[in-house]
């Protein structure tokens, strides 16, 4: 969640390509769930420490889902302190 980490992922990794592909898959399933009036879909990310890469991915996908589908997204980071 730190801006320094966000900037790093945006500038120094292939994260944009990765998240584009993730979002294509997740978005396809969200639309299917909405069409079928289902209301629980879980998406999980993991990484070595659970405090940087997976947090960034979860935050970005959650933000986009809320924006594109106007749905409630519950976001939980298991390994972040406090």
N, C-alpha and C. Protein backbone atom coordinates (compact mmCIF):
# COMPACT_ATOMS: atom_id res chain seq x y z
N UNK A 1 0.81 -1.20 0.00
CA UNK A 1 0.00 0.00 0.00
C UNK A 1 0.85 1.26 0.00
N UNK A 2 2.15 1.12 0.27
CA UNK A 2 3.04 2.26 0.28
C UNK A 2 3.28 2.77 -1.14
N UNK A 3 3.27 4.09 -1.30
CA UNK A 3 3.44 4.67 -2.63
C UNK A 3 4.75 4.24 -3.27
N UNK A 4 5.79 4.09 -2.48
CA UNK A 4 7.08 3.65 -3.01
C UNK A 4 6.96 2.27 -3.65
N UNK A 5 6.23 1.37 -3.01
CA UNK A 5 6.02 0.03 -3.56
C UNK A 5 5.16 0.08 -4.81
N UNK A 6 4.11 0.88 -4.78
CA UNK A 6 3.22 1.03 -5.94
C UNK A 6 4.02 1.54 -7.13
N UNK A 7 4.84 2.55 -6.92
CA UNK A 7 5.65 3.10 -8.00
C UNK A 7 6.61 2.06 -8.55
N UNK A 8 7.20 1.27 -7.67
CA UNK A 8 8.12 0.22 -8.10
C UNK A 8 7.41 -0.77 -9.01
N UNK A 9 6.23 -1.26 -8.60
CA UNK A 9 5.52 -2.25 -9.41
C UNK A 9 5.08 -1.68 -10.75
N UNK A 10 4.73 -0.41 -10.78
CA UNK A 10 4.29 0.21 -12.03
C UNK A 10 5.45 0.45 -12.99
N UNK A 11 6.64 0.72 -12.46
CA UNK A 11 7.77 1.10 -13.31
C UNK A 11 8.74 -0.03 -13.61
N UNK A 12 8.93 -0.94 -12.68
CA UNK A 12 10.04 -1.89 -12.78
C UNK A 12 9.64 -3.35 -12.94
N UNK A 13 8.40 -3.60 -13.20
CA UNK A 13 7.96 -5.00 -13.35
C UNK A 13 7.00 -5.11 -14.52
N UNK A 14 6.60 -6.33 -14.83
CA UNK A 14 5.58 -6.55 -15.85
C UNK A 14 4.20 -6.67 -15.21
N UNK A 15 4.02 -5.99 -14.09
CA UNK A 15 2.78 -6.09 -13.32
C UNK A 15 1.56 -5.65 -14.12
N UNK A 16 1.69 -4.62 -14.95
CA UNK A 16 0.54 -4.18 -15.74
C UNK A 16 0.04 -5.28 -16.67
N UNK A 17 0.95 -5.98 -17.31
CA UNK A 17 0.56 -7.10 -18.18
C UNK A 17 -0.07 -8.22 -17.37
N UNK A 18 0.55 -8.54 -16.24
CA UNK A 18 0.02 -9.60 -15.37
C UNK A 18 -1.40 -9.26 -14.92
N UNK A 19 -1.60 -8.04 -14.42
CA UNK A 19 -2.92 -7.66 -13.93
C UNK A 19 -3.95 -7.57 -15.05
N UNK A 20 -3.54 -7.18 -16.22
CA UNK A 20 -4.46 -7.18 -17.36
C UNK A 20 -5.00 -8.59 -17.60
N UNK A 21 -4.11 -9.57 -17.60
CA UNK A 21 -4.54 -10.95 -17.82
C UNK A 21 -5.40 -11.47 -16.67
N UNK A 22 -5.02 -11.14 -15.45
CA UNK A 22 -5.82 -11.54 -14.29
C UNK A 22 -7.21 -10.94 -14.40
N UNK A 23 -7.26 -9.65 -14.73
CA UNK A 23 -8.55 -8.97 -14.77
C UNK A 23 -9.45 -9.51 -15.88
N UNK A 24 -8.87 -9.91 -16.98
CA UNK A 24 -9.67 -10.51 -18.05
C UNK A 24 -10.37 -11.77 -17.54
N UNK A 25 -9.63 -12.60 -16.84
CA UNK A 25 -10.19 -13.84 -16.30
C UNK A 25 -11.21 -13.58 -15.20
N UNK A 26 -10.85 -12.74 -14.25
CA UNK A 26 -11.75 -12.44 -13.14
C UNK A 26 -13.00 -11.73 -13.65
N UNK A 27 -12.83 -10.75 -14.52
CA UNK A 27 -13.97 -10.01 -15.04
C UNK A 27 -14.96 -10.89 -15.77
N UNK A 28 -14.45 -11.84 -16.53
CA UNK A 28 -15.34 -12.78 -17.23
C UNK A 28 -16.19 -13.55 -16.21
N UNK A 29 -15.58 -13.95 -15.13
CA UNK A 29 -16.31 -14.70 -14.11
C UNK A 29 -17.25 -13.82 -13.31
N UNK A 30 -16.87 -12.59 -13.03
CA UNK A 30 -17.77 -11.68 -12.32
C UNK A 30 -19.03 -11.49 -13.13
N UNK A 31 -18.89 -11.23 -14.42
CA UNK A 31 -20.08 -11.03 -15.25
C UNK A 31 -20.97 -12.27 -15.26
N UNK A 32 -20.37 -13.45 -15.33
CA UNK A 32 -21.14 -14.69 -15.28
C UNK A 32 -21.88 -14.80 -13.95
N UNK A 33 -21.20 -14.50 -12.85
CA UNK A 33 -21.84 -14.55 -11.54
C UNK A 33 -23.00 -13.56 -11.46
N UNK A 34 -22.80 -12.36 -11.97
CA UNK A 34 -23.88 -11.38 -11.95
C UNK A 34 -25.06 -11.83 -12.81
N UNK A 35 -24.77 -12.37 -13.97
CA UNK A 35 -25.83 -12.84 -14.87
C UNK A 35 -26.64 -13.97 -14.23
N UNK A 36 -25.97 -14.80 -13.43
CA UNK A 36 -26.64 -15.94 -12.79
C UNK A 36 -27.15 -15.60 -11.38
N UNK A 37 -27.03 -14.33 -11.00
CA UNK A 37 -27.47 -13.83 -9.70
C UNK A 37 -26.79 -14.54 -8.53
N UNK A 38 -25.53 -14.88 -8.73
CA UNK A 38 -24.70 -15.44 -7.67
C UNK A 38 -23.95 -14.29 -7.02
N UNK A 39 -23.65 -14.41 -5.73
CA UNK A 39 -23.06 -13.26 -5.07
C UNK A 39 -21.79 -13.52 -4.28
N UNK A 40 -21.15 -14.65 -4.48
CA UNK A 40 -19.88 -14.91 -3.78
C UNK A 40 -18.84 -15.46 -4.75
N UNK A 41 -17.79 -14.72 -4.94
CA UNK A 41 -16.66 -15.15 -5.76
C UNK A 41 -15.40 -14.75 -5.01
N UNK A 42 -14.48 -15.68 -4.85
CA UNK A 42 -13.25 -15.38 -4.14
C UNK A 42 -12.08 -15.38 -5.11
N UNK A 43 -11.25 -14.37 -5.00
CA UNK A 43 -10.01 -14.27 -5.76
C UNK A 43 -8.91 -14.10 -4.74
N UNK A 44 -7.84 -14.85 -4.89
CA UNK A 44 -6.74 -14.76 -3.92
C UNK A 44 -5.41 -14.60 -4.64
N UNK A 45 -4.53 -13.83 -4.02
CA UNK A 45 -3.17 -13.65 -4.51
C UNK A 45 -2.23 -14.06 -3.39
N UNK A 46 -1.12 -14.62 -3.77
CA UNK A 46 -0.11 -14.96 -2.78
C UNK A 46 1.26 -14.60 -3.32
N UNK A 47 2.17 -14.35 -2.43
CA UNK A 47 3.57 -14.10 -2.78
C UNK A 47 4.42 -14.50 -1.58
N UNK A 48 5.70 -14.41 -1.71
CA UNK A 48 6.60 -14.91 -0.68
C UNK A 48 6.31 -14.35 0.70
N UNK A 49 6.17 -13.05 0.83
CA UNK A 49 5.97 -12.45 2.14
C UNK A 49 4.55 -12.00 2.42
N UNK A 50 3.74 -11.84 1.37
CA UNK A 50 2.36 -11.43 1.54
C UNK A 50 2.17 -9.97 1.93
N UNK A 51 3.18 -9.14 1.70
CA UNK A 51 3.07 -7.75 2.13
C UNK A 51 3.31 -6.75 1.01
N UNK A 52 3.68 -7.20 -0.18
CA UNK A 52 3.99 -6.25 -1.24
C UNK A 52 3.25 -6.62 -2.53
N UNK A 53 3.77 -7.60 -3.26
CA UNK A 53 3.23 -7.96 -4.57
C UNK A 53 1.76 -8.40 -4.49
N UNK A 54 1.44 -9.30 -3.59
CA UNK A 54 0.06 -9.79 -3.49
C UNK A 54 -0.88 -8.68 -3.03
N UNK A 55 -0.42 -7.81 -2.14
CA UNK A 55 -1.24 -6.69 -1.68
C UNK A 55 -1.52 -5.74 -2.84
N UNK A 56 -0.49 -5.42 -3.60
CA UNK A 56 -0.66 -4.55 -4.76
C UNK A 56 -1.68 -5.14 -5.74
N UNK A 57 -1.54 -6.42 -6.05
CA UNK A 57 -2.46 -7.08 -6.98
C UNK A 57 -3.89 -7.04 -6.46
N UNK A 58 -4.08 -7.40 -5.21
CA UNK A 58 -5.42 -7.43 -4.63
C UNK A 58 -6.05 -6.04 -4.63
N UNK A 59 -5.28 -5.04 -4.26
CA UNK A 59 -5.79 -3.67 -4.23
C UNK A 59 -6.20 -3.19 -5.62
N UNK A 60 -5.38 -3.48 -6.60
CA UNK A 60 -5.67 -3.04 -7.97
C UNK A 60 -6.90 -3.75 -8.54
N UNK A 61 -6.98 -5.05 -8.36
CA UNK A 61 -8.13 -5.79 -8.89
C UNK A 61 -9.41 -5.37 -8.15
N UNK A 62 -9.35 -5.21 -6.85
CA UNK A 62 -10.52 -4.77 -6.09
C UNK A 62 -10.99 -3.39 -6.56
N UNK A 63 -10.05 -2.48 -6.73
CA UNK A 63 -10.41 -1.12 -7.18
C UNK A 63 -11.11 -1.17 -8.53
N UNK A 64 -10.58 -1.98 -9.42
CA UNK A 64 -11.16 -2.05 -10.76
C UNK A 64 -12.52 -2.73 -10.77
N UNK A 65 -12.68 -3.78 -9.97
CA UNK A 65 -13.97 -4.45 -9.88
C UNK A 65 -15.04 -3.51 -9.35
N UNK A 66 -14.71 -2.77 -8.30
CA UNK A 66 -15.66 -1.81 -7.74
C UNK A 66 -16.05 -0.77 -8.79
N UNK A 67 -15.07 -0.29 -9.51
CA UNK A 67 -15.30 0.75 -10.51
C UNK A 67 -16.09 0.23 -11.70
N UNK A 68 -15.70 -0.92 -12.24
CA UNK A 68 -16.30 -1.42 -13.48
C UNK A 68 -17.67 -2.08 -13.28
N UNK A 69 -17.87 -2.70 -12.12
CA UNK A 69 -19.11 -3.46 -11.91
C UNK A 69 -19.99 -2.87 -10.82
N UNK A 70 -19.51 -1.85 -10.13
CA UNK A 70 -20.27 -1.23 -9.04
C UNK A 70 -20.78 -2.30 -8.06
N UNK A 71 -19.85 -3.13 -7.61
CA UNK A 71 -20.19 -4.21 -6.68
C UNK A 71 -19.42 -4.01 -5.37
N UNK A 72 -19.91 -4.68 -4.34
CA UNK A 72 -19.20 -4.67 -3.05
C UNK A 72 -18.04 -5.65 -3.14
N UNK A 73 -16.88 -5.21 -2.72
CA UNK A 73 -15.70 -6.06 -2.70
C UNK A 73 -15.15 -6.04 -1.28
N UNK A 74 -15.07 -7.19 -0.65
CA UNK A 74 -14.45 -7.31 0.66
C UNK A 74 -13.01 -7.71 0.44
N UNK A 75 -12.09 -6.92 0.96
CA UNK A 75 -10.67 -7.14 0.73
C UNK A 75 -9.99 -7.40 2.06
N UNK A 76 -9.26 -8.50 2.14
CA UNK A 76 -8.56 -8.85 3.38
C UNK A 76 -7.12 -9.23 3.05
N UNK A 77 -6.20 -8.62 3.76
CA UNK A 77 -4.78 -8.93 3.60
C UNK A 77 -4.35 -9.70 4.84
N UNK A 78 -4.05 -10.97 4.67
CA UNK A 78 -3.77 -11.83 5.80
C UNK A 78 -2.43 -11.57 6.48
N UNK A 79 -1.44 -11.12 5.74
CA UNK A 79 -0.10 -11.01 6.29
C UNK A 79 0.36 -9.59 6.59
N UNK A 80 -0.51 -8.60 6.42
CA UNK A 80 -0.13 -7.24 6.75
C UNK A 80 -0.25 -7.01 8.26
N UNK A 81 0.72 -6.35 8.85
CA UNK A 81 0.60 -6.05 10.27
C UNK A 81 -0.52 -5.07 10.56
N UNK A 82 -1.16 -5.27 11.71
CA UNK A 82 -2.19 -4.39 12.25
C UNK A 82 -3.16 -3.91 11.29
